PDB file of N, CA and C in Angstrom:
ATOM      1  N   MET A   1      78.164  22.058  81.944  1.00  0.00           N
ATOM      2  CA  MET A   1      79.669  21.972  82.299  1.00  0.00           C
ATOM      3  C   MET A   1      79.239  22.752  81.386  1.00  0.00           C
ATOM      4  N   GLU A   2      80.833  23.836  81.519  1.00  0.00           N
ATOM      5  CA  GLU A   2      81.175  24.892  79.820  1.00  0.00           C
ATOM      6  C   GLU A   2      81.533  23.900  78.565  1.00  0.00           C
ATOM      7  N   SER A   3      81.351  24.305  77.351  1.00  0.00           N
ATOM      8  CA  SER A   3      82.132  24.023  76.946  1.00  0.00           C
ATOM      9  C   SER A   3      83.368  24.756  76.544  1.00  0.00           C
ATOM     10  N   GLU A   4      84.061  24.064  75.317  1.00  0.00           N
ATOM     11  CA  GLU A   4      85.327  24.253  75.279  1.00  0.00           C
ATOM     12  C   GLU A   4      85.192  25.567  74.245  1.00  0.00           C
ATOM     13  N   ASN A   5      84.387  25.566  73.493  1.00  0.00           N
ATOM     14  CA  ASN A   5      84.139  26.661  72.970  1.00  0.00           C
ATOM     15  C   ASN A   5      83.801  28.200  73.647  1.00  0.00           C
ATOM     16  N   THR A   6      82.584  27.796  74.494  1.00  0.00           N
ATOM     17  CA  THR A   6      81.923  28.284  75.614  1.00  0.00           C
ATOM     18  C   THR A   6      83.373  29.065  76.921  1.00  0.00           C
ATOM     19  N   LYS A   7      84.213  28.478  76.891  1.00  0.00           N
ATOM     20  CA  LYS A   7      85.383  29.017  77.511  1.00  0.00           C
ATOM     21  C   LYS A   7      86.138  30.389  76.645  1.00  0.00           C
ATOM     22  N   LYS A   8      86.191  29.441  75.373  1.00  0.00           N
ATOM     23  CA  LYS A   8      87.163  30.161  74.655  1.00  0.00           C
ATOM     24  C   LYS A   8      86.886  31.556  74.285  1.00  0.00           C
ATOM     25  N   LEU A   9      85.530  31.791  74.180  1.00  0.00           N
ATOM     26  CA  LEU A   9      84.313  32.419  73.602  1.00  0.00           C
ATOM     27  C   LEU A   9      84.902  33.849  74.853  1.00  0.00           C
ATOM     28  N   LYS A  10      84.737  33.354  76.004  1.00  0.00           N
ATOM     29  CA  LYS A  10      84.758  33.964  77.204  1.00  0.00           C
ATOM     30  C   LYS A  10      85.971  34.725  77.311  1.00  0.00           C
ATOM     31  N   GLU A  11      87.250  34.212  77.204  1.00  0.00           N
ATOM     32  CA  GLU A  11      88.646  34.325  77.447  1.00  0.00           C
ATOM     33  C   GLU A  11      89.340  35.642  76.593  1.00  0.00           C
ATOM     34  N   PHE A  12      88.852  35.685  75.342  1.00  0.00           N
ATOM     35  CA  PHE A  12      88.729  36.063  74.117  1.00  0.00           C
ATOM     36  C   PHE A  12      87.609  37.593  74.769  1.00  0.00           C
ATOM     37  N   PHE A  13      86.791  37.352  74.754  1.00  0.00           N
ATOM     38  CA  PHE A  13      85.725  38.523  75.455  1.00  0.00           C
ATOM     39  C   PHE A  13      86.633  39.246  76.338  1.00  0.00           C
ATOM     40  N   GLY A  14      86.672  38.914  77.382  1.00  0.00           N
ATOM     41  CA  GLY A  14      87.729  39.446  78.254  1.00  0.00           C
ATOM     42  C   GLY A  14      88.551  40.001  78.217  1.00  0.00           C
ATOM     43  N   ARG A  15      89.849  39.622  77.584  1.00  0.00           N
ATOM     44  CA  ARG A  15      90.531  40.299  77.186  1.00  0.00           C
ATOM     45  C   ARG A  15      91.056  40.663  76.030  1.00  0.00           C
ATOM     46  N   GLU A  16      89.434  41.297  74.905  1.00  0.00           N
ATOM     47  CA  GLU A  16      90.341  42.171  74.248  1.00  0.00           C
ATOM     48  C   GLU A  16      89.166  42.547  73.704  1.00  0.00           C
ATOM     49  N   TYR A  17      88.343  42.994  75.238  1.00  0.00           N
ATOM     50  CA  TYR A  17      87.167  43.785  74.313  1.00  0.00           C
ATOM     51  C   TYR A  17      86.994  44.942  74.216  1.00  0.00           C
ATOM     52  N   PHE A  18      88.475  45.972  74.952  1.00  0.00           N
ATOM     53  CA  PHE A  18      88.352  47.071  74.422  1.00  0.00           C
ATOM     54  C   PHE A  18      89.282  47.114  73.025  1.00  0.00           C
ATOM     55  N   SER A  19      89.844  46.188  71.861  1.00  0.00           N
ATOM     56  CA  SER A  19      90.386  46.216  71.201  1.00  0.00           C
ATOM     57  C   SER A  19      88.858  46.217  70.220  1.00  0.00           C
ATOM     58  N   LEU A  20      88.025  45.041  70.371  1.00  0.00           N
ATOM     59  CA  LEU A  20      86.723  44.756  69.804  1.00  0.00           C
ATOM     60  C   LEU A  20      86.478  46.051  69.350  1.00  0.00           C
ATOM     61  N   LYS A  21      85.525  46.529  70.413  1.00  0.00           N
ATOM     62  CA  LYS A  21      85.319  48.290  70.623  1.00  0.00           C
ATOM     63  C   LYS A  21      85.619  49.627  70.179  1.00  0.00           C
ATOM     64  N   LEU A  22      87.155  49.472  69.905  1.00  0.00           N
ATOM     65  CA  LEU A  22      87.625  50.584  68.892  1.00  0.00           C
ATOM     66  C   LEU A  22      87.484  49.630  67.371  1.00  0.00           C
ATOM     67  N   TYR A  23      87.609  48.334  66.886  1.00  0.00           N
ATOM     68  CA  TYR A  23      87.426  47.439  65.759  1.00  0.00           C
ATOM     69  C   TYR A  23      86.162  48.230  65.302  1.00  0.00           C
ATOM     70  N   VAL A  24      85.008  48.091  65.959  1.00  0.00           N
ATOM     71  CA  VAL A  24      83.713  48.431  65.687  1.00  0.00           C
ATOM     72  C   VAL A  24      83.786  49.900  65.550  1.00  0.00           C
ATOM     73  N   SER A  25      84.258  51.089  66.459  1.00  0.00           N
ATOM     74  CA  SER A  25      83.992  52.243  65.924  1.00  0.00           C
ATOM     75  C   SER A  25      84.761  52.796  65.141  1.00  0.00           C
ATOM     76  N   THR A  26      85.359  52.416  64.096  1.00  0.00           N
ATOM     77  CA  THR A  26      86.821  52.708  63.599  1.00  0.00           C
ATOM     78  C   THR A  26      85.815  52.250  62.554  1.00  0.00           C
ATOM     79  N   LYS A  27      84.974  51.180  61.839  1.00  0.00           N
ATOM     80  CA  LYS A  27      84.727  50.984  61.186  1.00  0.00           C
ATOM     81  C   LYS A  27      83.140  51.866  60.790  1.00  0.00           C
ATOM     82  N   ILE A  28      82.224  52.196  61.924  1.00  0.00           N
ATOM     83  CA  ILE A  28      81.234  52.900  62.079  1.00  0.00           C
ATOM     84  C   ILE A  28      81.910  54.316  62.566  1.00  0.00           C
ATOM     85  N   SER A  29      82.422  55.652  61.683  1.00  0.00           N
ATOM     86  CA  SER A  29      83.155  56.279  62.280  1.00  0.00           C
ATOM     87  C   SER A  29      81.940  57.872  62.327  1.00  0.00           C
ATOM     88  N   ASP A  30      80.683  56.893  61.828  1.00  0.00           N
ATOM     89  CA  ASP A  30      79.248  57.965  62.367  1.00  0.00           C
ATOM     90  C   ASP A  30      78.781  57.408  64.164  1.00  0.00           C
ATOM     91  N   THR A  31      78.559  56.744  64.858  1.00  0.00           N
ATOM     92  CA  THR A  31      78.378  55.926  64.996  1.00  0.00           C
ATOM     93  C   THR A  31      78.335  56.648  66.553  1.00  0.00           C
ATOM     94  N   ALA A  32      77.447  56.847  67.646  1.00  0.00           N
ATOM     95  CA  ALA A  32      78.450  57.306  69.030  1.00  0.00           C
ATOM     96  C   ALA A  32      78.748  55.894  69.603  1.00  0.00           C
ATOM     97  N   ASN A  33      79.613  55.657  70.649  1.00  0.00           N
ATOM     98  CA  ASN A  33      79.772  55.178  71.612  1.00  0.00           C
ATOM     99  C   ASN A  33      79.708  53.418  71.772  1.00  0.00           C
ATOM    100  N   ARG A  34      78.042  54.144  72.446  1.00  0.00           N
ATOM    101  CA  ARG A  34      76.974  53.507  73.063  1.00  0.00           C
ATOM    102  C   ARG A  34      77.355  52.118  71.463  1.00  0.00           C
ATOM    103  N   ASP A  35      76.413  52.474  70.835  1.00  0.00           N
ATOM    104  CA  ASP A  35      76.572  51.948  69.500  1.00  0.00           C
ATOM    105  C   ASP A  35      78.019  50.493  69.213  1.00  0.00           C
ATOM    106  N   ALA A  36      78.575  50.932  69.113  1.00  0.00           N
ATOM    107  CA  ALA A  36      79.446  50.191  69.068  1.00  0.00           C
ATOM    108  C   ALA A  36      79.553  48.874  70.315  1.00  0.00           C
ATOM    109  N   GLU A  37      79.180  50.026  71.210  1.00  0.00           N
ATOM    110  CA  GLU A  37      79.567  48.508  72.459  1.00  0.00           C
ATOM    111  C   GLU A  37      77.926  47.529  71.886  1.00  0.00           C
ATOM    112  N   ASP A  38      77.224  47.746  71.663  1.00  0.00           N
ATOM    113  CA  ASP A  38      76.190  47.236  71.604  1.00  0.00           C
ATOM    114  C   ASP A  38      75.761  46.161  70.623  1.00  0.00           C
ATOM    115  N   ILE A  39      76.700  46.593  69.530  1.00  0.00           N
ATOM    116  CA  ILE A  39      77.262  45.538  68.101  1.00  0.00           C
ATOM    117  C   ILE A  39      78.184  44.427  68.722  1.00  0.00           C
ATOM    118  N   ILE A  40      78.819  45.292  69.689  1.00  0.00           N
ATOM    119  CA  ILE A  40      79.626  44.090  70.235  1.00  0.00           C
ATOM    120  C   ILE A  40      78.449  42.855  71.461  1.00  0.00           C
ATOM    121  N   GLN A  41      77.463  43.627  71.896  1.00  0.00           N
ATOM    122  CA  GLN A  41      76.860  43.023  73.124  1.00  0.00           C
ATOM    123  C   GLN A  41      75.860  41.883  72.167  1.00  0.00           C
ATOM    124  N   ASP A  42      75.799  42.746  71.215  1.00  0.00           N
ATOM    125  CA  ASP A  42      74.589  41.647  70.172  1.00  0.00           C
ATOM    126  C   ASP A  42      75.780  40.383  69.655  1.00  0.00           C
ATOM    127  N   VAL A  43      76.560  40.513  68.887  1.00  0.00           N
ATOM    128  CA  VAL A  43      78.039  39.701  68.652  1.00  0.00           C
ATOM    129  C   VAL A  43      78.094  38.427  70.139  1.00  0.00           C
ATOM    130  N   ALA A  44      78.171  38.754  70.784  1.00  0.00           N
ATOM    131  CA  ALA A  44      78.893  38.231  72.128  1.00  0.00           C
ATOM    132  C   ALA A  44      77.187  37.833  72.424  1.00  0.00           C
ATOM    133  N   LEU A  45      76.264  37.553  72.532  1.00  0.00           N
ATOM    134  CA  LEU A  45      75.000  37.181  73.463  1.00  0.00           C
ATOM    135  C   LEU A  45      74.702  36.373  71.664  1.00  0.00           C
ATOM    136  N   LYS A  46      75.017  35.796  70.771  1.00  0.00           N
ATOM    137  CA  LYS A  46      74.977  35.241  69.448  1.00  0.00           C
ATOM    138  C   LYS A  46      75.786  33.519  69.707  1.00  0.00           C
ATOM    139  N   LEU A  47      76.960  34.897  70.463  1.00  0.00           N
ATOM    140  CA  LEU A  47      78.131  32.980  69.682  1.00  0.00           C
ATOM    141  C   LEU A  47      77.916  32.685  70.612  1.00  0.00           C
ATOM    142  N   PHE A  48      77.534  33.526  72.286  1.00  0.00           N
ATOM    143  CA  PHE A  48      77.923  32.643  72.925  1.00  0.00           C
ATOM    144  C   PHE A  48      76.127  31.781  73.597  1.00  0.00           C
ATOM    145  N   SER A  49      75.630  32.301  72.839  1.00  0.00           N
ATOM    146  CA  SER A  49      74.106  31.697  72.763  1.00  0.00           C
ATOM    147  C   SER A  49      74.220  30.054  71.808  1.00  0.00           C
ATOM    148  N   GLY A  50      75.035  30.246  70.837  1.00  0.00           N
ATOM    149  CA  GLY A  50      74.800  29.226  69.558  1.00  0.00           C
ATOM    150  C   GLY A  50      76.579  28.132  70.209  1.00  0.00           C
ATOM    151  N   ALA A  51      77.412  28.604  71.429  1.00  0.00           N
ATOM    152  CA  ALA A  51      78.893  28.489  71.434  1.00  0.00           C
ATOM    153  C   ALA A  51      78.456  26.356  70.969  1.00  0.00           C
ATOM    154  N   ASP A  52      77.775  25.679  71.425  1.00  0.00           N
ATOM    155  CA  ASP A  52      77.135  24.296  71.657  1.00  0.00           C
ATOM    156  C   ASP A  52      77.077  23.411  70.519  1.00  0.00           C
ATOM    157  N   ARG A  53      77.433  24.230  69.347  1.00  0.00           N
ATOM    158  CA  ARG A  53      75.957  24.164  68.053  1.00  0.00           C
ATOM    159  C   ARG A  53      76.822  24.308  67.605  1.00  0.00           C
ATOM    160  N   TYR A  54      78.346  24.731  67.009  1.00  0.00           N
ATOM    161  CA  TYR A  54      79.204  24.878  66.087  1.00  0.00           C
ATOM    162  C   TYR A  54      80.686  23.989  66.466  1.00  0.00           C
ATOM    163  N   ALA A  55      81.384  24.484  65.681  1.00  0.00           N
ATOM    164  CA  ALA A  55      82.080  22.968  65.703  1.00  0.00           C
ATOM    165  C   ALA A  55      83.767  23.635  66.369  1.00  0.00           C
ATOM    166  N   PRO A  56      84.336  22.930  66.645  1.00  0.00           N
ATOM    167  CA  PRO A  56      85.841  23.851  68.117  1.00  0.00           C
ATOM    168  C   PRO A  56      85.892  24.900  67.285  1.00  0.00           C
ATOM    169  N   ILE A  57      86.046  25.802  67.667  1.00  0.00           N
ATOM    170  CA  ILE A  57      86.282  27.244  67.091  1.00  0.00           C
ATOM    171  C   ILE A  57      88.489  26.588  67.254  1.00  0.00           C
ATOM    172  N   ASN A  58      88.927  26.764  66.546  1.00  0.00           N
ATOM    173  CA  ASN A  58      90.127  26.839  66.465  1.00  0.00           C
ATOM    174  C   ASN A  58      90.704  28.214  66.967  1.00  0.00           C
ATOM    175  N   ASN A  59      90.241  29.297  65.574  1.00  0.00           N
ATOM    176  CA  ASN A  59      91.043  30.616  65.861  1.00  0.00           C
ATOM    177  C   ASN A  59      90.100  31.379  66.451  1.00  0.00           C
ATOM    178  N   VAL A  60      89.365  32.079  67.249  1.00  0.00           N
ATOM    179  CA  VAL A  60      88.635  32.588  68.266  1.00  0.00           C
ATOM    180  C   VAL A  60      88.972  34.576  67.690  1.00  0.00           C
ATOM    181  N   ALA A  61      89.696  34.455  67.416  1.00  0.00           N
ATOM    182  CA  ALA A  61      90.050  36.250  67.151  1.00  0.00           C
ATOM    183  C   ALA A  61      89.237  36.259  65.420  1.00  0.00           C
ATOM    184  N   GLY A  62      89.609  35.142  64.665  1.00  0.00           N
ATOM    185  CA  GLY A  62      88.840  35.871  63.558  1.00  0.00           C
ATOM    186  C   GLY A  62      87.918  35.093  63.308  1.00  0.00           C
ATOM    187  N   PHE A  63      87.257  34.393  64.815  1.00  0.00           N
ATOM    188  CA  PHE A  63      85.612  33.590  64.565  1.00  0.00           C
ATOM    189  C   PHE A  63      85.199  35.382  64.635  1.00  0.00           C
ATOM    190  N   VAL A  64      85.373  35.563  66.018  1.00  0.00           N
ATOM    191  CA  VAL A  64      84.679  36.460  66.443  1.00  0.00           C
ATOM    192  C   VAL A  64      84.725  37.888  66.091  1.00  0.00           C
ATOM    193  N   TYR A  65      85.280  37.780  65.285  1.00  0.00           N
ATOM    194  CA  TYR A  65      86.304  39.849  64.237  1.00  0.00           C
ATOM    195  C   TYR A  65      85.138  39.010  63.122  1.00  0.00           C
ATOM    196  N   LYS A  66      85.257  38.190  62.216  1.00  0.00           N
ATOM    197  CA  LYS A  66      84.337  38.152  61.280  1.00  0.00           C
ATOM    198  C   LYS A  66      82.740  37.683  61.631  1.00  0.00           C
ATOM    199  N   SER A  67      82.319  37.370  62.752  1.00  0.00           N
ATOM    200  CA  SER A  67      81.189  38.248  63.099  1.00  0.00           C
ATOM    201  C   SER A  67      80.291  38.979  63.842  1.00  0.00           C
ATOM    202  N   ILE A  68      81.293  40.159  63.913  1.00  0.00           N
ATOM    203  CA  ILE A  68      81.539  41.606  63.834  1.00  0.00           C
ATOM    204  C   ILE A  68      81.038  42.171  62.864  1.00  0.00           C
ATOM    205  N   ARG A  69      82.092  41.732  61.884  1.00  0.00           N
ATOM    206  CA  ARG A  69      82.850  42.263  60.612  1.00  0.00           C
ATOM    207  C   ARG A  69      80.967  42.917  60.166  1.00  0.00           C
ATOM    208  N   ASN A  70      80.661  41.139  59.638  1.00  0.00           N
ATOM    209  CA  ASN A  70      78.850  40.710  59.442  1.00  0.00           C
ATOM    210  C   ASN A  70      78.166  41.733  59.427  1.00  0.00           C
ATOM    211  N   ARG A  71      77.526  41.717  61.465  1.00  0.00           N
ATOM    212  CA  ARG A  71      77.207  42.159  62.269  1.00  0.00           C
ATOM    213  C   ARG A  71      77.258  43.971  61.771  1.00  0.00           C
ATOM    214  N   ILE A  72      78.285  44.590  61.680  1.00  0.00           N
ATOM    215  CA  ILE A  72      78.057  45.665  60.856  1.00  0.00           C
ATOM    216  C   ILE A  72      78.180  46.126  59.728  1.00  0.00           C
ATOM    217  N   ILE A  73      78.018  44.735  58.875  1.00  0.00           N
ATOM    218  CA  ILE A  73      77.564  45.313  57.363  1.00  0.00           C
ATOM    219  C   ILE A  73      75.970  45.095  57.753  1.00  0.00           C
ATOM    220  N   ASP A  74      75.484  44.644  58.274  1.00  0.00           N
ATOM    221  CA  ASP A  74      73.811  44.455  58.889  1.00  0.00           C
ATOM    222  C   ASP A  74      73.771  45.619  59.200  1.00  0.00           C
ATOM    223  N   VAL A  75      73.738  45.685  60.396  1.00  0.00           N
ATOM    224  CA  VAL A  75      73.720  47.699  60.830  1.00  0.00           C
ATOM    225  C   VAL A  75      73.614  48.087  59.385  1.00  0.00           C
ATOM    226  N   MET A  76      74.879  48.610  58.993  1.00  0.00           N
ATOM    227  CA  MET A  76      75.056  49.322  57.833  1.00  0.00           C
ATOM    228  C   MET A  76      73.768  49.554  56.748  1.00  0.00           C
ATOM    229  N   ARG A  77      73.511  48.480  56.631  1.00  0.00           N
ATOM    230  CA  ARG A  77      72.018  47.845  55.487  1.00  0.00           C
ATOM    231  C   ARG A  77      70.505  48.679  55.807  1.00  0.00           C
ATOM    232  N   THR A  78      70.728  48.107  57.103  1.00  0.00           N
ATOM    233  CA  THR A  78      69.334  48.898  57.930  1.00  0.00           C
ATOM    234  C   THR A  78      69.425  50.001  57.477  1.00  0.00           C
ATOM    235  N   ALA A  79      70.477  50.487  57.752  1.00  0.00           N
ATOM    236  CA  ALA A  79      70.492  52.172  58.822  1.00  0.00           C
ATOM    237  C   ALA A  79      70.374  52.779  56.913  1.00  0.00           C
ATOM    238  N   LYS A  80      71.146  52.368  55.636  1.00  0.00           N
ATOM    239  CA  LYS A  80      71.342  53.260  54.716  1.00  0.00           C
ATOM    240  C   LYS A  80      69.416  52.910  54.046  1.00  0.00           C
ATOM    241  N   LYS A  81      69.285  51.703  54.729  1.00  0.00           N
ATOM    242  CA  LYS A  81      67.445  51.334  54.084  1.00  0.00           C
ATOM    243  C   LYS A  81      66.360  52.555  55.034  1.00  0.00           C
ATOM    244  N   THR A  82      67.259  52.226  55.416  1.00  0.00           N
ATOM    245  CA  THR A  82      66.249  54.074  56.699  1.00  0.00           C
ATOM    246  C   THR A  82      66.396  55.181  56.262  1.00  0.00           C
ATOM    247  N   ASP A  83      67.583  55.524  55.859  1.00  0.00           N
ATOM    248  CA  ASP A  83      68.478  56.510  55.351  1.00  0.00           C
ATOM    249  C   ASP A  83      67.800  57.396  54.299  1.00  0.00           C
ATOM    250  N   SER A  84      67.124  56.109  53.522  1.00  0.00           N
ATOM    251  CA  SER A  84      66.541  56.311  51.895  1.00  0.00           C
ATOM    252  C   SER A  84      65.289  56.474  51.708  1.00  0.00           C
ATOM    253  N   VAL A  85      64.718  55.751  52.869  1.00  0.00           N
ATOM    254  CA  VAL A  85      63.138  56.357  52.893  1.00  0.00           C
ATOM    255  C   VAL A  85      62.390  57.501  53.254  1.00  0.00           C
ATOM    256  N   ASP A  86      61.679  58.146  51.958  1.00  0.00           N
ATOM    257  CA  ASP A  86      61.480  59.701  52.405  1.00  0.00           C
ATOM    258  C   ASP A  86      59.512  59.301  53.060  1.00  0.00           C
ATOM    259  N   ILE A  87      59.894  60.064  54.194  1.00  0.00           N
ATOM    260  CA  ILE A  87      58.805  60.343  54.626  1.00  0.00           C
ATOM    261  C   ILE A  87      57.708  61.777  54.843  1.00  0.00           C
ATOM    262  N   ASP A  88      56.867  61.455  53.873  1.00  0.00           N
ATOM    263  CA  ASP A  88      55.671  62.943  53.956  1.00  0.00           C
ATOM    264  C   ASP A  88      54.989  62.713  54.824  1.00  0.00           C
TER     265      ASP A  88
END
């Protein structure tokens, strides 16, 4: 049986996928379109796999966007570390 959180997340991602993709694309301007989709899919996978462990999600949009923002920050930090390493 699907949890209430899983239902809410499925509905939100189904309805808002394009908006999420635009949001990620605007936050990472030097990324390819594929990277935006990868970020959204990474976040979706983590949220769906842990949906039963969360307290009831009342503000699904806020929850998802905050999770995506955190993932973007992680990606940017990783890119910064990789860019700053000099290999001779």
